[in-house]
Amino acid sequence: MKKLIFLFLPIFIFFASCTYSSYGLEEFLYRTNSVVNRTETMWDLSDLLLGSTEAAGVFSKVKGKKFTVLIMTDVHFGGENMGNNGPRQEYVLLEWLKTYREQMIAQGTPELYPSFAICLGDVAEHGYEEEFIKYQAFTTLMNSDTYGNILTFNVVGNHDLYNSGWNSYVKHCYPHTSLYKFRTDSITWYFADSASGSMGDSQLETISRDMKYNEKGRKKLFFTHIPVYAGGLFYFVMQNTEERNRLISMLGDEDAIAIIDGHTHKEITSDLGFKEWNMPGFLEKRGIGLLFVDETDASNPKVSMTTVYLKA
């Protein structure tokens, strides 16, 4: 038996290297940019000393109002026509946004048009810089007058780390970090790094401490790439059950409205005492989410989600 193992091990390694070479074999085995290093500090974009004029503009736009957020995930620039993926879909979305904006203005409900966007990771397929550059061009276009100045906040995904992609991610993906938060009138929005498959003790402790001492009593929305449950889809969720249970318990204790995640390419809703909205893949399924937020009553914010599948 041992002889067979030693006989076939080089063959396995050869085929593995062929299969994963475009994703970086070194990072198939381990990653030098660990989640601990990526999440040493949690940025607060609500603080203008740490935030930016771009983010400040978004917050003033939605203050005390009903507003809508565009949610997308698994955009996979560089992954078009691979596996189940079709051709690029961003131009389908841009055309849809144009039409949708005209319709919402015409019917007197401009609040149903997205005030900003959130991408839940895997913006690049292989982690190559040219893939991030193409993604940045797309989000820059969305943030133009033509499309109503939709600024995109990003979450890092596992594909974004391939081929040492982390350096390109922080260069091209706003707000250029992977652990941060901001506040609207009555909700605190958290963005966390699960791209390595684990959040790690230090990141979870940072978030837990912030929720308890800085954001106590406020409702929370939590965004990350790897799901915590996804309807029991075991293979695609966080594999460390202790960490997963700790995160679910923490969110339940700290007034979370929902956790919103990607990675599976599927649309799955779970009830964990709060909602988990697992979003469909944008490139593979042409799926986007519209997150409707009502903060007109600061003591009782309301949030709901609908999924739209775009037609080519």
C-alpha atoms as a PDB file:
ATOM      1  CA  MET A   1       0.000   0.000   0.000  1.00  0.00           C
ATOM      2  CA  LYS A   2       2.805   2.415   0.948  1.00  0.00           C
ATOM      3  CA  LYS A   3       4.540   1.624  -2.337  1.00  0.00           C
ATOM      4  CA  LEU A   4       1.385   2.506  -4.248  1.00  0.00           C
ATOM      5  CA  ILE A   5       1.095   5.806  -2.392  1.00  0.00           C
ATOM      6  CA  PHE A   6       4.698   6.745  -3.193  1.00  0.00           C
ATOM      7  CA  LEU A   7       4.194   5.617  -6.792  1.00  0.00           C
ATOM      8  CA  PHE A   8       1.115   7.761  -7.406  1.00  0.00           C
ATOM      9  CA  LEU A   9       2.065  10.785  -5.283  1.00  0.00           C
ATOM     10  CA  PRO A  10       4.298  12.375  -7.969  1.00  0.00           C
ATOM     11  CA  ILE A  11       1.556  11.808 -10.554  1.00  0.00           C
ATOM     12  CA  PHE A  12      -1.012  13.486  -8.282  1.00  0.00           C
ATOM     13  CA  ILE A  13       1.313  16.430  -7.674  1.00  0.00           C
ATOM     14  CA  PHE A  14       1.935  16.784 -11.416  1.00  0.00           C
ATOM     15  CA  PHE A  15      -1.788  16.885 -12.263  1.00  0.00           C
ATOM     16  CA  ALA A  16      -2.510  19.161  -9.328  1.00  0.00           C
ATOM     17  CA  SER A  17       0.147  21.571 -10.524  1.00  0.00           C
ATOM     18  CA  CYS A  18      -1.342  21.540 -14.037  1.00  0.00           C
ATOM     19  CA  THR A  19      -4.840  22.101 -12.692  1.00  0.00           C
ATOM     20  CA  TYR A  20      -3.945  24.842 -10.245  1.00  0.00           C
ATOM     21  CA  SER A  21      -0.964  26.466 -11.972  1.00  0.00           C
ATOM     22  CA  SER A  22      -3.029  29.399 -13.262  1.00  0.00           C
ATOM     23  CA  TYR A  23      -4.190  30.029  -9.690  1.00  0.00           C
ATOM     24  CA  GLY A  24      -0.696  29.844  -8.184  1.00  0.00           C
ATOM     25  CA  LEU A  25       0.423  26.428  -6.919  1.00  0.00           C
ATOM     26  CA  GLU A  26       2.187  27.989  -3.925  1.00  0.00           C
ATOM     27  CA  GLU A  27      -1.095  29.508  -2.792  1.00  0.00           C
ATOM     28  CA  PHE A  28      -2.976  26.285  -3.508  1.00  0.00           C
ATOM     29  CA  LEU A  29      -0.883  24.818  -0.680  1.00  0.00           C
ATOM     30  CA  TYR A  30      -0.610  27.883   1.591  1.00  0.00           C
ATOM     31  CA  ARG A  31      -0.859  31.663   1.480  1.00  0.00           C
ATOM     32  CA  THR A  32       1.746  34.122   2.706  1.00  0.00           C
ATOM     33  CA  ASN A  33      -0.843  36.881   3.201  1.00  0.00           C
ATOM     34  CA  SER A  34      -2.740  35.421   6.151  1.00  0.00           C
ATOM     35  CA  VAL A  35      -6.050  36.745   7.399  1.00  0.00           C
ATOM     36  CA  VAL A  36      -4.302  37.846  10.609  1.00  0.00           C
ATOM     37  CA  ASN A  37      -2.025  40.164   8.653  1.00  0.00           C
ATOM     38  CA  ARG A  38      -4.828  41.453   6.439  1.00  0.00           C
ATOM     39  CA  THR A  39      -7.096  42.360   9.366  1.00  0.00           C
ATOM     40  CA  GLU A  40      -4.782  43.957  11.908  1.00  0.00           C
ATOM     41  CA  THR A  41      -6.966  47.091  11.957  1.00  0.00           C
ATOM     42  CA  MET A  42     -10.674  47.665  11.413  1.00  0.00           C
ATOM     43  CA  TRP A  43     -11.261  50.897   9.526  1.00  0.00           C
ATOM     44  CA  ASP A  44     -14.250  53.087  10.380  1.00  0.00           C
ATOM     45  CA  LEU A  45     -15.383  54.831   7.201  1.00  0.00           C
ATOM     46  CA  SER A  46     -17.866  56.915   9.175  1.00  0.00           C
ATOM     47  CA  ASP A  47     -14.900  58.747  10.658  1.00  0.00           C
ATOM     48  CA  LEU A  48     -13.803  61.212   7.996  1.00  0.00           C
ATOM     49  CA  LEU A  49     -10.231  61.060   9.330  1.00  0.00           C
ATOM     50  CA  LEU A  50     -10.139  57.411   8.217  1.00  0.00           C
ATOM     51  CA  GLY A  51     -12.815  57.492   5.557  1.00  0.00           C
ATOM     52  CA  SER A  52     -12.999  59.491   2.359  1.00  0.00           C
ATOM     53  CA  THR A  53     -15.039  62.210   0.738  1.00  0.00           C
ATOM     54  CA  GLU A  54     -16.520  59.496  -1.508  1.00  0.00           C
ATOM     55  CA  ALA A  55     -17.921  57.570   1.462  1.00  0.00           C
ATOM     56  CA  ALA A  56     -19.055  60.790   3.158  1.00  0.00           C
ATOM     57  CA  GLY A  57     -21.065  61.622   0.042  1.00  0.00           C
ATOM     58  CA  VAL A  58     -22.820  58.257   0.224  1.00  0.00           C
ATOM     59  CA  PHE A  59     -23.702  58.683   3.898  1.00  0.00           C
ATOM     60  CA  SER A  60     -25.164  62.162   3.378  1.00  0.00           C
ATOM     61  CA  LYS A  61     -27.196  60.835   0.437  1.00  0.00           C
ATOM     62  CA  VAL A  62     -28.978  58.178   2.530  1.00  0.00           C
ATOM     63  CA  LYS A  63     -29.261  59.945   5.895  1.00  0.00           C
ATOM     64  CA  GLY A  64     -32.615  59.252   7.588  1.00  0.00           C
ATOM     65  CA  LYS A  65     -34.181  57.925   4.408  1.00  0.00           C
ATOM     66  CA  LYS A  66     -35.468  54.926   2.556  1.00  0.00           C
ATOM     67  CA  PHE A  67     -32.730  53.762   0.197  1.00  0.00           C
ATOM     68  CA  THR A  68     -31.595  50.785  -1.870  1.00  0.00           C
ATOM     69  CA  VAL A  69     -28.235  49.007  -2.107  1.00  0.00           C
ATOM     70  CA  LEU A  70     -27.107  46.956  -5.105  1.00  0.00           C
ATOM     71  CA  ILE A  71     -25.543  43.655  -4.006  1.00  0.00           C
ATOM     72  CA  MET A  72     -23.394  41.554  -6.340  1.00  0.00           C
ATOM     73  CA  THR A  73     -20.887  38.770  -5.840  1.00  0.00           C
ATOM     74  CA  ASP A  74     -18.572  36.447  -7.751  1.00  0.00           C
ATOM     75  CA  VAL A  75     -17.998  38.774 -10.686  1.00  0.00           C
ATOM     76  CA  HIS A  76     -14.907  36.743 -11.703  1.00  0.00           C
ATOM     77  CA  PHE A  77     -13.141  38.959 -14.227  1.00  0.00           C
ATOM     78  CA  GLY A  78     -10.943  36.558 -16.184  1.00  0.00           C
ATOM     79  CA  GLY A  79     -13.330  33.654 -15.581  1.00  0.00           C
ATOM     80  CA  GLU A  80     -15.664  34.265 -18.490  1.00  0.00           C
ATOM     81  CA  ASN A  81     -16.512  31.192 -20.576  1.00  0.00           C
ATOM     82  CA  MET A  82     -14.896  28.885 -17.976  1.00  0.00           C
ATOM     83  CA  GLY A  83     -16.890  26.020 -16.462  1.00  0.00           C
ATOM     84  CA  ASN A  84     -20.515  27.115 -16.084  1.00  0.00           C
ATOM     85  CA  ASN A  85     -19.674  30.780 -16.674  1.00  0.00           C
ATOM     86  CA  GLY A  86     -20.958  32.552 -19.724  1.00  0.00           C
ATOM     87  CA  PRO A  87     -19.608  35.731 -21.324  1.00  0.00           C
ATOM     88  CA  ARG A  88     -19.069  38.992 -19.405  1.00  0.00           C
ATOM     89  CA  GLN A  89     -22.245  40.361 -17.780  1.00  0.00           C
ATOM     90  CA  GLU A  90     -21.354  43.848 -16.526  1.00  0.00           C
ATOM     91  CA  TYR A  91     -22.682  45.599 -19.620  1.00  0.00           C
ATOM     92  CA  VAL A  92     -26.010  43.812 -19.184  1.00  0.00           C
ATOM     93  CA  LEU A  93     -26.116  45.258 -15.654  1.00  0.00           C
ATOM     94  CA  LEU A  94     -25.226  48.766 -16.847  1.00  0.00           C
ATOM     95  CA  GLU A  95     -28.040  48.716 -19.407  1.00  0.00           C
ATOM     96  CA  TRP A  96     -30.444  47.401 -16.779  1.00  0.00           C
ATOM     97  CA  LEU A  97     -29.434  50.192 -14.375  1.00  0.00           C
ATOM     98  CA  LYS A  98     -30.122  52.844 -17.007  1.00  0.00           C
ATOM     99  CA  THR A  99     -33.600  51.508 -17.701  1.00  0.00           C
ATOM    100  CA  TYR A 100     -34.388  50.875 -14.031  1.00  0.00           C
ATOM    101  CA  ARG A 101     -33.317  54.409 -13.063  1.00  0.00           C
ATOM    102  CA  GLU A 102     -35.595  55.946 -15.686  1.00  0.00           C
ATOM    103  CA  GLN A 103     -38.502  53.790 -14.483  1.00  0.00           C
ATOM    104  CA  MET A 104     -38.013  54.667 -10.801  1.00  0.00           C
ATOM    105  CA  ILE A 105     -37.789  58.399 -11.517  1.00  0.00           C
ATOM    106  CA  ALA A 106     -40.863  58.253 -13.767  1.00  0.00           C
ATOM    107  CA  GLN A 107     -42.965  56.516 -11.091  1.00  0.00           C
ATOM    108  CA  GLY A 108     -41.786  58.857  -8.322  1.00  0.00           C
ATOM    109  CA  THR A 109     -39.793  56.267  -6.331  1.00  0.00           C
ATOM    110  CA  PRO A 110     -36.145  57.311  -6.741  1.00  0.00           C
ATOM    111  CA  GLU A 111     -35.351  55.618  -3.402  1.00  0.00           C
ATOM    112  CA  LEU A 112     -35.710  52.241  -5.156  1.00  0.00           C
ATOM    113  CA  TYR A 113     -32.669  53.015  -7.313  1.00  0.00           C
ATOM    114  CA  PRO A 114     -29.351  51.987  -5.705  1.00  0.00           C
ATOM    115  CA  SER A 115     -27.603  54.686  -3.667  1.00  0.00           C
ATOM    116  CA  PHE A 116     -24.444  52.566  -3.492  1.00  0.00           C
ATOM    117  CA  ALA A 117     -23.271  49.003  -4.204  1.00  0.00           C
ATOM    118  CA  ILE A 118     -21.582  46.187  -2.308  1.00  0.00           C
ATOM    119  CA  CYS A 119     -19.578  43.423  -3.996  1.00  0.00           C
ATOM    120  CA  LEU A 120     -19.083  40.312  -1.869  1.00  0.00           C
ATOM    121  CA  GLY A 121     -15.825  39.141  -3.391  1.00  0.00           C
ATOM    122  CA  ASP A 122     -14.219  37.070  -6.118  1.00  0.00           C
ATOM    123  CA  VAL A 123     -13.961  40.089  -8.366  1.00  0.00           C
ATOM    124  CA  ALA A 124     -10.980  38.406 -10.085  1.00  0.00           C
ATOM    125  CA  GLU A 125     -10.736  34.806 -11.278  1.00  0.00           C
ATOM    126  CA  HIS A 126      -6.981  34.248 -10.984  1.00  0.00           C
ATOM    127  CA  GLY A 127      -5.891  37.226  -8.877  1.00  0.00           C
ATOM    128  CA  TYR A 128      -4.076  38.799 -11.841  1.00  0.00           C
ATOM    129  CA  GLU A 129      -3.709  42.566 -11.729  1.00  0.00           C
ATOM    130  CA  GLU A 130      -5.250  43.002 -15.184  1.00  0.00           C
ATOM    131  CA  GLU A 131      -8.447  41.378 -13.855  1.00  0.00           C
ATOM    132  CA  PHE A 132      -8.616  43.872 -10.994  1.00  0.00           C
ATOM    133  CA  ILE A 133      -7.973  46.747 -13.414  1.00  0.00           C
ATOM    134  CA  LYS A 134     -10.947  45.667 -15.538  1.00  0.00           C
ATOM    135  CA  TYR A 135     -13.120  45.380 -12.430  1.00  0.00           C
ATOM    136  CA  GLN A 136     -12.067  48.841 -11.259  1.00  0.00           C
ATOM    137  CA  ALA A 137     -12.948  50.286 -14.689  1.00  0.00           C
ATOM    138  CA  PHE A 138     -16.418  48.734 -14.377  1.00  0.00           C
ATOM    139  CA  THR A 139     -17.066  50.092 -10.869  1.00  0.00           C
ATOM    140  CA  THR A 140     -15.676  53.509 -11.861  1.00  0.00           C
ATOM    141  CA  LEU A 141     -18.201  53.589 -14.686  1.00  0.00           C
ATOM    142  CA  MET A 142     -21.025  52.741 -12.243  1.00  0.00           C
ATOM    143  CA  ASN A 143     -19.832  55.633 -10.084  1.00  0.00           C
ATOM    144  CA  SER A 144     -20.377  58.154 -12.885  1.00  0.00           C
ATOM    145  CA  ASP A 145     -23.271  60.563 -13.441  1.00  0.00           C
ATOM    146  CA  THR A 146     -24.621  58.297 -16.193  1.00  0.00           C
ATOM    147  CA  TYR A 147     -25.484  55.600 -13.632  1.00  0.00           C
ATOM    148  CA  GLY A 148     -26.349  57.807 -10.660  1.00  0.00           C
ATOM    149  CA  ASN A 149     -22.932  57.748  -8.950  1.00  0.00           C
ATOM    150  CA  ILE A 150     -23.084  54.259  -7.439  1.00  0.00           C
ATOM    151  CA  LEU A 151     -19.967  53.838  -5.286  1.00  0.00           C
ATOM    152  CA  THR A 152     -19.004  50.181  -4.699  1.00  0.00           C
ATOM    153  CA  PHE A 153     -17.786  48.915  -1.308  1.00  0.00           C
ATOM    154  CA  ASN A 154     -15.868  45.641  -1.631  1.00  0.00           C
ATOM    155  CA  VAL A 155     -15.329  42.396   0.275  1.00  0.00           C
ATOM    156  CA  VAL A 156     -12.319  40.204  -0.519  1.00  0.00           C
ATOM    157  CA  GLY A 157     -12.959  36.687  -1.849  1.00  0.00           C
ATOM    158  CA  ASN A 158     -10.811  33.564  -2.048  1.00  0.00           C
ATOM    159  CA  HIS A 159     -10.139  33.975  -5.788  1.00  0.00           C
ATOM    160  CA  ASP A 160      -8.882  37.503  -5.142  1.00  0.00           C
ATOM    161  CA  LEU A 161      -5.963  36.040  -3.172  1.00  0.00           C
ATOM    162  CA  TYR A 162      -4.682  33.703  -5.902  1.00  0.00           C
ATOM    163  CA  ASN A 163      -1.325  34.531  -7.495  1.00  0.00           C
ATOM    164  CA  SER A 164      -0.564  36.990  -4.675  1.00  0.00           C
ATOM    165  CA  GLY A 165      -3.642  38.953  -5.721  1.00  0.00           C
ATOM    166  CA  TRP A 166      -4.005  40.640  -2.328  1.00  0.00           C
ATOM    167  CA  ASN A 167      -1.633  43.447  -3.338  1.00  0.00           C
ATOM    168  CA  SER A 168      -3.695  44.145  -6.456  1.00  0.00           C
ATOM    169  CA  TYR A 169      -6.940  43.879  -4.499  1.00  0.00           C
ATOM    170  CA  VAL A 170      -5.975  46.619  -2.031  1.00  0.00           C
ATOM    171  CA  LYS A 171      -4.743  48.761  -4.903  1.00  0.00           C
ATOM    172  CA  HIS A 172      -7.864  48.592  -7.055  1.00  0.00           C
ATOM    173  CA  CYS A 173     -10.818  47.701  -4.772  1.00  0.00           C
ATOM    174  CA  TYR A 174     -12.379  50.444  -2.632  1.00  0.00           C
ATOM    175  CA  PRO A 175     -11.926  51.065   0.287  1.00  0.00           C
ATOM    176  CA  HIS A 176      -8.546  49.298  -0.092  1.00  0.00           C
ATOM    177  CA  THR A 177      -8.804  47.112   3.008  1.00  0.00           C
ATOM    178  CA  SER A 178     -10.706  43.954   4.002  1.00  0.00           C
ATOM    179  CA  LEU A 179     -11.992  44.718   7.525  1.00  0.00           C
ATOM    180  CA  TYR A 180     -14.041  47.866   7.995  1.00  0.00           C
ATOM    181  CA  LYS A 181     -17.383  49.309   9.033  1.00  0.00           C
ATOM    182  CA  PHE A 182     -19.559  52.354   8.596  1.00  0.00           C
ATOM    183  CA  ARG A 183     -22.744  53.710  10.119  1.00  0.00           C
ATOM    184  CA  THR A 184     -25.962  54.938   8.604  1.00  0.00           C
ATOM    185  CA  ASP A 185     -28.630  56.487  10.847  1.00  0.00           C
ATOM    186  CA  SER A 186     -29.528  53.397  12.865  1.00  0.00           C
ATOM    187  CA  ILE A 187     -27.526  50.523  11.347  1.00  0.00           C
ATOM    188  CA  THR A 188     -23.841  49.654  11.578  1.00  0.00           C
ATOM    189  CA  TRP A 189     -22.528  47.903   8.466  1.00  0.00           C
ATOM    190  CA  TYR A 190     -19.628  45.444   8.984  1.00  0.00           C
ATOM    191  CA  PHE A 191     -17.386  44.063   6.227  1.00  0.00           C
ATOM    192  CA  ALA A 192     -15.203  41.081   7.193  1.00  0.00           C
ATOM    193  CA  ASP A 193     -12.456  38.992   5.609  1.00  0.00           C
ATOM    194  CA  SER A 194     -13.237  35.268   5.228  1.00  0.00           C
ATOM    195  CA  ALA A 195     -11.286  34.831   1.984  1.00  0.00           C
ATOM    196  CA  SER A 196      -8.840  32.303   3.456  1.00  0.00           C
ATOM    197  CA  GLY A 197     -11.765  30.153   4.626  1.00  0.00           C
ATOM    198  CA  SER A 198     -11.353  31.370   8.202  1.00  0.00           C
ATOM    199  CA  MET A 199     -11.793  34.708   9.938  1.00  0.00           C
ATOM    200  CA  GLY A 200      -9.286  33.880  12.644  1.00  0.00           C
ATOM    201  CA  ASP A 201      -9.517  34.536  16.370  1.00  0.00           C
ATOM    202  CA  SER A 202      -8.039  38.031  16.273  1.00  0.00           C
ATOM    203  CA  GLN A 203     -10.449  39.337  13.622  1.00  0.00           C
ATOM    204  CA  LEU A 204     -13.455  37.830  15.394  1.00  0.00           C
ATOM    205  CA  GLU A 205     -12.295  39.350  18.675  1.00  0.00           C
ATOM    206  CA  THR A 206     -11.878  42.768  17.034  1.00  0.00           C
ATOM    207  CA  ILE A 207     -15.406  42.630  15.603  1.00  0.00           C
ATOM    208  CA  SER A 208     -16.938  41.279  18.821  1.00  0.00           C
ATOM    209  CA  ARG A 209     -15.302  43.967  20.925  1.00  0.00           C
ATOM    210  CA  ASP A 210     -16.408  46.712  18.543  1.00  0.00           C
ATOM    211  CA  MET A 211     -20.000  45.463  18.470  1.00  0.00           C
ATOM    212  CA  LYS A 212     -20.187  45.277  22.269  1.00  0.00           C
ATOM    213  CA  TYR A 213     -18.499  48.529  23.217  1.00  0.00           C
ATOM    214  CA  ASN A 214     -18.746  50.912  20.243  1.00  0.00           C
ATOM    215  CA  GLU A 215     -21.986  49.852  18.554  1.00  0.00           C
ATOM    216  CA  LYS A 216     -24.009  48.452  21.449  1.00  0.00           C
ATOM    217  CA  GLY A 217     -27.761  48.712  20.924  1.00  0.00           C
ATOM    218  CA  ARG A 218     -27.499  49.450  17.209  1.00  0.00           C
ATOM    219  CA  LYS A 219     -28.783  47.109  14.521  1.00  0.00           C
ATOM    220  CA  LYS A 220     -26.097  45.429  12.417  1.00  0.00           C
ATOM    221  CA  LEU A 221     -25.642  44.167   8.872  1.00  0.00           C
ATOM    222  CA  PHE A 222     -22.685  41.856   8.232  1.00  0.00           C
ATOM    223  CA  PHE A 223     -21.061  41.213   4.850  1.00  0.00           C
ATOM    224  CA  THR A 224     -18.452  38.570   3.987  1.00  0.00           C
ATOM    225  CA  HIS A 225     -17.574  36.175   1.158  1.00  0.00           C
ATOM    226  CA  ILE A 226     -17.691  32.631   2.609  1.00  0.00           C
ATOM    227  CA  PRO A 227     -21.154  31.709   3.971  1.00  0.00           C
ATOM    228  CA  VAL A 228     -21.755  30.664   7.565  1.00  0.00           C
ATOM    229  CA  TYR A 229     -24.504  28.165   6.723  1.00  0.00           C
ATOM    230  CA  ALA A 230     -26.059  28.571   3.227  1.00  0.00           C
ATOM    231  CA  GLY A 231     -28.903  26.174   3.947  1.00  0.00           C
ATOM    232  CA  GLY A 232     -26.500  23.449   5.086  1.00  0.00           C
ATOM    233  CA  LEU A 233     -24.420  23.457   1.892  1.00  0.00           C
ATOM    234  CA  PHE A 234     -21.506  21.970   3.824  1.00  0.00           C
ATOM    235  CA  TYR A 235     -18.655  22.093   1.318  1.00  0.00           C
ATOM    236  CA  PHE A 236     -18.959  25.820   0.567  1.00  0.00           C
ATOM    237  CA  VAL A 237     -19.328  27.220   4.090  1.00  0.00           C
ATOM    238  CA  MET A 238     -16.800  28.064   6.810  1.00  0.00           C
ATOM    239  CA  GLN A 239     -15.272  24.711   7.724  1.00  0.00           C
ATOM    240  CA  ASN A 240     -14.250  25.553  11.290  1.00  0.00           C
ATOM    241  CA  THR A 241     -17.497  24.758  13.120  1.00  0.00           C
ATOM    242  CA  GLU A 242     -16.330  26.368  16.352  1.00  0.00           C
ATOM    243  CA  GLU A 243     -15.568  29.628  14.548  1.00  0.00           C
ATOM    244  CA  ARG A 244     -18.814  29.460  12.581  1.00  0.00           C
ATOM    245  CA  ASN A 245     -20.894  28.895  15.721  1.00  0.00           C
ATOM    246  CA  ARG A 246     -19.067  31.700  17.503  1.00  0.00           C
ATOM    247  CA  LEU A 247     -19.847  34.122  14.655  1.00  0.00           C
ATOM    248  CA  ILE A 248     -23.518  33.114  14.506  1.00  0.00           C
ATOM    249  CA  SER A 249     -23.840  33.455  18.297  1.00  0.00           C
ATOM    250  CA  MET A 250     -22.107  36.838  18.264  1.00  0.00           C
ATOM    251  CA  LEU A 251     -24.368  38.211  15.544  1.00  0.00           C
ATOM    252  CA  GLY A 252     -27.448  36.897  17.325  1.00  0.00           C
ATOM    253  CA  ASP A 253     -26.403  38.521  20.595  1.00  0.00           C
ATOM    254  CA  GLU A 254     -25.559  41.864  18.980  1.00  0.00           C
ATOM    255  CA  ASP A 255     -28.811  42.700  17.169  1.00  0.00           C
ATOM    256  CA  ALA A 256     -27.821  41.567  13.680  1.00  0.00           C
ATOM    257  CA  ILE A 257     -30.521  41.958  11.072  1.00  0.00           C
ATOM    258  CA  ALA A 258     -28.739  39.830   8.478  1.00  0.00           C
ATOM    259  CA  ILE A 259     -25.489  38.354   7.263  1.00  0.00           C
ATOM    260  CA  ILE A 260     -25.081  38.619   3.497  1.00  0.00           C
ATOM    261  CA  ASP A 261     -22.523  36.416   1.737  1.00  0.00           C
ATOM    262  CA  GLY A 262     -21.539  34.876  -1.602  1.00  0.00           C
ATOM    263  CA  HIS A 263     -19.187  32.106  -2.839  1.00  0.00           C
ATOM    264  CA  THR A 264     -21.776  29.399  -3.571  1.00  0.00           C
ATOM    265  CA  HIS A 265     -23.112  31.099  -6.741  1.00  0.00           C
ATOM    266  CA  LYS A 266     -26.566  30.125  -5.450  1.00  0.00           C
ATOM    267  CA  GLU A 267     -29.528  32.024  -3.991  1.00  0.00           C
ATOM    268  CA  ILE A 268     -30.178  30.585  -0.521  1.00  0.00           C
ATOM    269  CA  THR A 269     -32.025  32.143   2.423  1.00  0.00           C
ATOM    270  CA  SER A 270     -31.485  30.757   5.922  1.00  0.00           C
ATOM    271  CA  ASP A 271     -33.031  31.671   9.272  1.00  0.00           C
ATOM    272  CA  LEU A 272     -30.394  31.697  12.012  1.00  0.00           C
ATOM    273  CA  GLY A 273     -32.351  33.897  14.412  1.00  0.00           C
ATOM    274  CA  PHE A 274     -31.447  36.582  11.899  1.00  0.00           C
ATOM    275  CA  LYS A 275     -31.443  36.235   8.116  1.00  0.00           C
ATOM    276  CA  GLU A 276     -28.603  34.835   6.059  1.00  0.00           C
ATOM    277  CA  TRP A 277     -28.941  35.929   2.449  1.00  0.00           C
ATOM    278  CA  ASN A 278     -26.535  33.927   0.296  1.00  0.00           C
ATOM    279  CA  MET A 279     -26.377  35.639  -3.082  1.00  0.00           C
ATOM    280  CA  PRO A 280     -26.242  34.085  -6.578  1.00  0.00           C
ATOM    281  CA  GLY A 281     -23.097  34.465  -8.685  1.00  0.00           C
ATOM    282  CA  PHE A 282     -23.113  37.466 -10.985  1.00  0.00           C
ATOM    283  CA  LEU A 283     -21.039  36.033 -13.831  1.00  0.00           C
ATOM    284  CA  GLU A 284     -22.526  32.534 -13.755  1.00  0.00           C
ATOM    285  CA  LYS A 285     -26.154  33.329 -12.932  1.00  0.00           C
ATOM    286  CA  ARG A 286     -26.536  37.058 -13.854  1.00  0.00           C
ATOM    287  CA  GLY A 287     -27.971  37.467 -10.354  1.00  0.00           C
ATOM    288  CA  ILE A 288     -27.934  40.667  -8.322  1.00  0.00           C
ATOM    289  CA  GLY A 289     -29.622  41.631  -5.066  1.00  0.00           C
ATOM    290  CA  LEU A 290     -31.503  44.773  -4.183  1.00  0.00           C
ATOM    291  CA  LEU A 291     -31.303  45.465  -0.453  1.00  0.00           C
ATOM    292  CA  PHE A 292     -34.119  47.806   0.590  1.00  0.00           C
ATOM    293  CA  VAL A 293     -33.425  49.813   3.756  1.00  0.00           C
ATOM    294  CA  ASP A 294     -35.879  52.051   5.622  1.00  0.00           C
ATOM    295  CA  GLU A 295     -34.331  54.213   8.348  1.00  0.00           C
ATOM    296  CA  THR A 296     -37.060  56.838   8.520  1.00  0.00           C
ATOM    297  CA  ASP A 297     -37.850  55.477  12.000  1.00  0.00           C
ATOM    298  CA  ALA A 298     -34.402  55.331  13.613  1.00  0.00           C
ATOM    299  CA  SER A 299     -35.655  53.154  16.467  1.00  0.00           C
ATOM    300  CA  ASN A 300     -37.006  50.501  14.120  1.00  0.00           C
ATOM    301  CA  PRO A 301     -35.044  50.181  10.856  1.00  0.00           C
ATOM    302  CA  LYS A 302     -36.466  47.793   8.275  1.00  0.00           C
ATOM    303  CA  VAL A 303     -34.453  45.778   5.773  1.00  0.00           C
ATOM    304  CA  SER A 304     -35.550  43.404   3.015  1.00  0.00           C
ATOM    305  CA  MET A 305     -33.910  41.736   0.031  1.00  0.00           C
ATOM    306  CA  THR A 306     -35.041  40.827  -3.453  1.00  0.00           C
ATOM    307  CA  THR A 307     -33.040  39.027  -6.145  1.00  0.00           C
ATOM    308  CA  VAL A 308     -33.082  40.012  -9.807  1.00  0.00           C
ATOM    309  CA  TYR A 309     -31.836  37.785 -12.619  1.00  0.00           C
ATOM    310  CA  LEU A 310     -30.792  39.901 -15.580  1.00  0.00           C
ATOM    311  CA  LYS A 311     -31.647  38.954 -19.142  1.00  0.00           C
ATOM    312  CA  ALA A 312     -28.997  39.207 -21.841  1.00  0.00           C
END
